[in-house]
């Protein structure tokens, strides 16, 4: 699932955990020297992390609005 297609923070957090696991497996498999792959993976992790923070902040703001804070 691409972060842009995820609908809420938990879904994006799940995708981020998958990407972190992929990076760990790639490192253990010796792919650390494959700069093209690792750079692409880091770029995807960065974008997903940004999407997660944005979704979480939005969900907190919406909840505060609903609660009247």
N, C-alpha and C. Protein backbone atom coordinates (compact mmCIF):
# COMPACT_ATOMS: atom_id res chain seq x y z
N UNK A 1 0.85 -1.18 0.00
CA UNK A 1 0.00 0.00 0.00
C UNK A 1 0.89 1.23 0.00
N UNK A 2 0.67 2.11 -0.90
CA UNK A 2 1.40 3.36 -0.98
C UNK A 2 0.81 4.33 0.04
N UNK A 3 1.66 5.14 0.73
CA UNK A 3 1.13 6.03 1.76
C UNK A 3 0.05 6.97 1.27
N UNK A 4 0.11 7.36 0.01
CA UNK A 4 -0.91 8.28 -0.52
C UNK A 4 -2.28 7.60 -0.59
N UNK A 5 -2.30 6.27 -0.63
CA UNK A 5 -3.56 5.53 -0.72
C UNK A 5 -4.10 5.14 0.65
N UNK A 6 -3.27 5.22 1.67
CA UNK A 6 -3.73 4.87 3.01
C UNK A 6 -4.70 5.94 3.49
N UNK A 7 -5.64 5.51 4.30
CA UNK A 7 -6.68 6.44 4.72
C UNK A 7 -6.50 6.95 6.12
N UNK A 8 -5.71 6.28 6.94
CA UNK A 8 -5.56 6.76 8.31
C UNK A 8 -4.17 6.45 8.85
N UNK A 9 -3.86 7.08 9.98
CA UNK A 9 -2.53 6.95 10.57
C UNK A 9 -2.14 5.50 10.86
N UNK A 10 -3.04 4.67 11.41
CA UNK A 10 -2.62 3.28 11.67
C UNK A 10 -2.23 2.52 10.40
N UNK A 11 -2.91 2.75 9.31
CA UNK A 11 -2.54 2.08 8.06
C UNK A 11 -1.17 2.54 7.58
N UNK A 12 -0.93 3.84 7.68
CA UNK A 12 0.37 4.37 7.25
C UNK A 12 1.47 3.87 8.18
N UNK A 13 1.19 3.79 9.48
CA UNK A 13 2.17 3.28 10.44
C UNK A 13 2.51 1.83 10.12
N UNK A 14 1.51 1.04 9.74
CA UNK A 14 1.76 -0.34 9.34
C UNK A 14 2.71 -0.39 8.15
N UNK A 15 2.45 0.44 7.14
CA UNK A 15 3.31 0.48 5.95
C UNK A 15 4.73 0.90 6.32
N UNK A 16 4.84 1.84 7.24
CA UNK A 16 6.16 2.29 7.67
C UNK A 16 6.92 1.16 8.36
N UNK A 17 6.23 0.39 9.19
CA UNK A 17 6.88 -0.76 9.84
C UNK A 17 7.34 -1.79 8.80
N UNK A 18 6.54 -2.00 7.77
CA UNK A 18 6.93 -2.92 6.69
C UNK A 18 8.20 -2.43 5.99
N UNK A 19 8.26 -1.13 5.74
CA UNK A 19 9.44 -0.57 5.08
C UNK A 19 10.68 -0.68 5.97
N UNK A 20 10.52 -0.45 7.28
CA UNK A 20 11.66 -0.62 8.19
C UNK A 20 12.14 -2.08 8.19
N UNK A 21 11.21 -3.01 8.16
CA UNK A 21 11.57 -4.43 8.11
C UNK A 21 12.28 -4.75 6.80
N UNK A 22 11.79 -4.18 5.71
CA UNK A 22 12.44 -4.40 4.41
C UNK A 22 13.87 -3.89 4.43
N UNK A 23 14.08 -2.72 5.04
CA UNK A 23 15.43 -2.17 5.11
C UNK A 23 16.34 -3.08 5.94
N UNK A 24 15.83 -3.56 7.08
CA UNK A 24 16.63 -4.46 7.92
C UNK A 24 17.00 -5.73 7.17
N UNK A 25 16.04 -6.31 6.47
CA UNK A 25 16.31 -7.52 5.69
C UNK A 25 17.30 -7.25 4.57
N UNK A 26 17.18 -6.11 3.92
CA UNK A 26 18.10 -5.76 2.84
C UNK A 26 19.53 -5.62 3.38
N UNK A 27 19.65 -5.00 4.54
CA UNK A 27 20.97 -4.85 5.14
C UNK A 27 21.56 -6.21 5.50
N UNK A 28 20.74 -7.09 6.08
CA UNK A 28 21.22 -8.42 6.45
C UNK A 28 21.58 -9.26 5.22
N UNK A 29 20.92 -8.97 4.10
CA UNK A 29 21.17 -9.72 2.87
C UNK A 29 22.37 -9.17 2.10
N UNK A 30 22.99 -8.11 2.64
CA UNK A 30 24.17 -7.56 1.99
C UNK A 30 23.87 -6.56 0.89
N UNK A 31 22.66 -6.02 0.87
CA UNK A 31 22.30 -5.07 -0.18
C UNK A 31 22.66 -3.63 0.17
N UNK A 32 23.34 -3.43 1.27
CA UNK A 32 23.71 -2.08 1.70
C UNK A 32 24.56 -1.38 0.64
N UNK A 33 25.31 -2.13 -0.14
CA UNK A 33 26.14 -1.55 -1.19
C UNK A 33 25.37 -1.20 -2.46
N UNK A 34 24.13 -1.64 -2.56
CA UNK A 34 23.31 -1.33 -3.73
C UNK A 34 22.66 0.04 -3.49
N UNK A 35 23.39 1.10 -3.84
CA UNK A 35 22.96 2.46 -3.52
C UNK A 35 21.63 2.81 -4.18
N UNK A 36 21.40 2.35 -5.39
CA UNK A 36 20.14 2.67 -6.06
C UNK A 36 18.96 2.13 -5.27
N UNK A 37 19.06 0.87 -4.88
CA UNK A 37 17.98 0.24 -4.11
C UNK A 37 17.82 0.89 -2.75
N UNK A 38 18.92 1.05 -2.02
CA UNK A 38 18.86 1.60 -0.67
C UNK A 38 18.39 3.05 -0.68
N UNK A 39 18.85 3.83 -1.65
CA UNK A 39 18.39 5.22 -1.74
C UNK A 39 16.90 5.30 -2.02
N UNK A 40 16.42 4.43 -2.90
CA UNK A 40 14.99 4.38 -3.21
C UNK A 40 14.19 3.98 -1.97
N UNK A 41 14.67 3.01 -1.25
CA UNK A 41 14.01 2.56 -0.04
C UNK A 41 13.99 3.67 1.02
N UNK A 42 15.12 4.35 1.20
CA UNK A 42 15.18 5.46 2.17
C UNK A 42 14.23 6.59 1.77
N UNK A 43 14.14 6.84 0.48
CA UNK A 43 13.21 7.87 -0.01
C UNK A 43 11.77 7.48 0.29
N UNK A 44 11.44 6.21 0.09
CA UNK A 44 10.09 5.75 0.37
C UNK A 44 9.79 5.80 1.87
N UNK A 45 10.78 5.43 2.69
CA UNK A 45 10.61 5.51 4.14
C UNK A 45 10.38 6.95 4.57
N UNK A 46 11.15 7.86 4.03
CA UNK A 46 11.01 9.28 4.37
C UNK A 46 9.63 9.81 4.01
N UNK A 47 9.16 9.49 2.82
CA UNK A 47 7.83 9.93 2.39
C UNK A 47 6.73 9.33 3.24
N UNK A 48 6.89 8.07 3.58
CA UNK A 48 5.89 7.39 4.40
C UNK A 48 5.88 7.97 5.82
N UNK A 49 7.05 8.26 6.36
CA UNK A 49 7.15 8.85 7.70
C UNK A 49 6.47 10.23 7.71
N UNK A 50 6.71 11.02 6.66
CA UNK A 50 6.06 12.33 6.56
C UNK A 50 4.54 12.19 6.47
N UNK A 51 4.08 11.21 5.69
CA UNK A 51 2.64 10.98 5.55
C UNK A 51 2.04 10.54 6.88
N UNK A 52 2.77 9.72 7.63
CA UNK A 52 2.28 9.27 8.93
C UNK A 52 2.14 10.44 9.90
N UNK A 53 3.15 11.27 9.97
CA UNK A 53 3.08 12.43 10.87
C UNK A 53 1.91 13.33 10.48
N UNK A 54 1.76 13.60 9.19
CA UNK A 54 0.65 14.43 8.73
C UNK A 54 -0.71 13.84 9.07
N UNK A 55 -0.85 12.54 8.86
CA UNK A 55 -2.13 11.89 9.16
C UNK A 55 -2.41 11.89 10.66
N UNK A 56 -1.38 11.63 11.46
CA UNK A 56 -1.58 11.61 12.91
C UNK A 56 -1.96 12.98 13.44
N UNK A 57 -1.28 14.01 12.98
CA UNK A 57 -1.61 15.38 13.42
C UNK A 57 -3.03 15.74 12.99
N UNK A 58 -3.39 15.39 11.78
CA UNK A 58 -4.75 15.68 11.29
C UNK A 58 -5.80 14.96 12.14
N UNK A 59 -5.55 13.68 12.43
CA UNK A 59 -6.51 12.93 13.24
C UNK A 59 -6.63 13.50 14.64
N UNK A 60 -5.54 13.94 15.23
CA UNK A 60 -5.60 14.56 16.55
C UNK A 60 -6.39 15.86 16.48
N UNK A 61 -6.16 16.68 15.46
CA UNK A 61 -6.89 17.94 15.31
C UNK A 61 -8.38 17.71 15.13
N UNK A 62 -8.74 16.72 14.34
CA UNK A 62 -10.15 16.40 14.11
C UNK A 62 -10.79 15.94 15.43
N UNK A 63 -10.10 15.09 16.16
CA UNK A 63 -10.63 14.61 17.44
C UNK A 63 -10.81 15.76 18.42
N UNK A 64 -9.85 16.65 18.47
CA UNK A 64 -9.98 17.81 19.37
C UNK A 64 -11.17 18.67 18.95
N UNK A 65 -11.37 18.82 17.65
CA UNK A 65 -12.51 19.58 17.17
C UNK A 65 -13.84 18.94 17.56
N UNK A 66 -13.88 17.62 17.45
CA UNK A 66 -15.11 16.89 17.82
C UNK A 66 -15.37 17.02 19.32
N UNK A 67 -14.31 17.01 20.10
CA UNK A 67 -14.47 17.09 21.54
C UNK A 67 -14.67 18.53 22.03
N UNK A 68 -14.52 19.48 21.12
CA UNK A 68 -14.76 20.88 21.45
C UNK A 68 -13.60 21.57 22.15
N UNK A 69 -12.42 21.02 22.01
CA UNK A 69 -11.26 21.63 22.68
C UNK A 69 -10.70 22.78 21.90
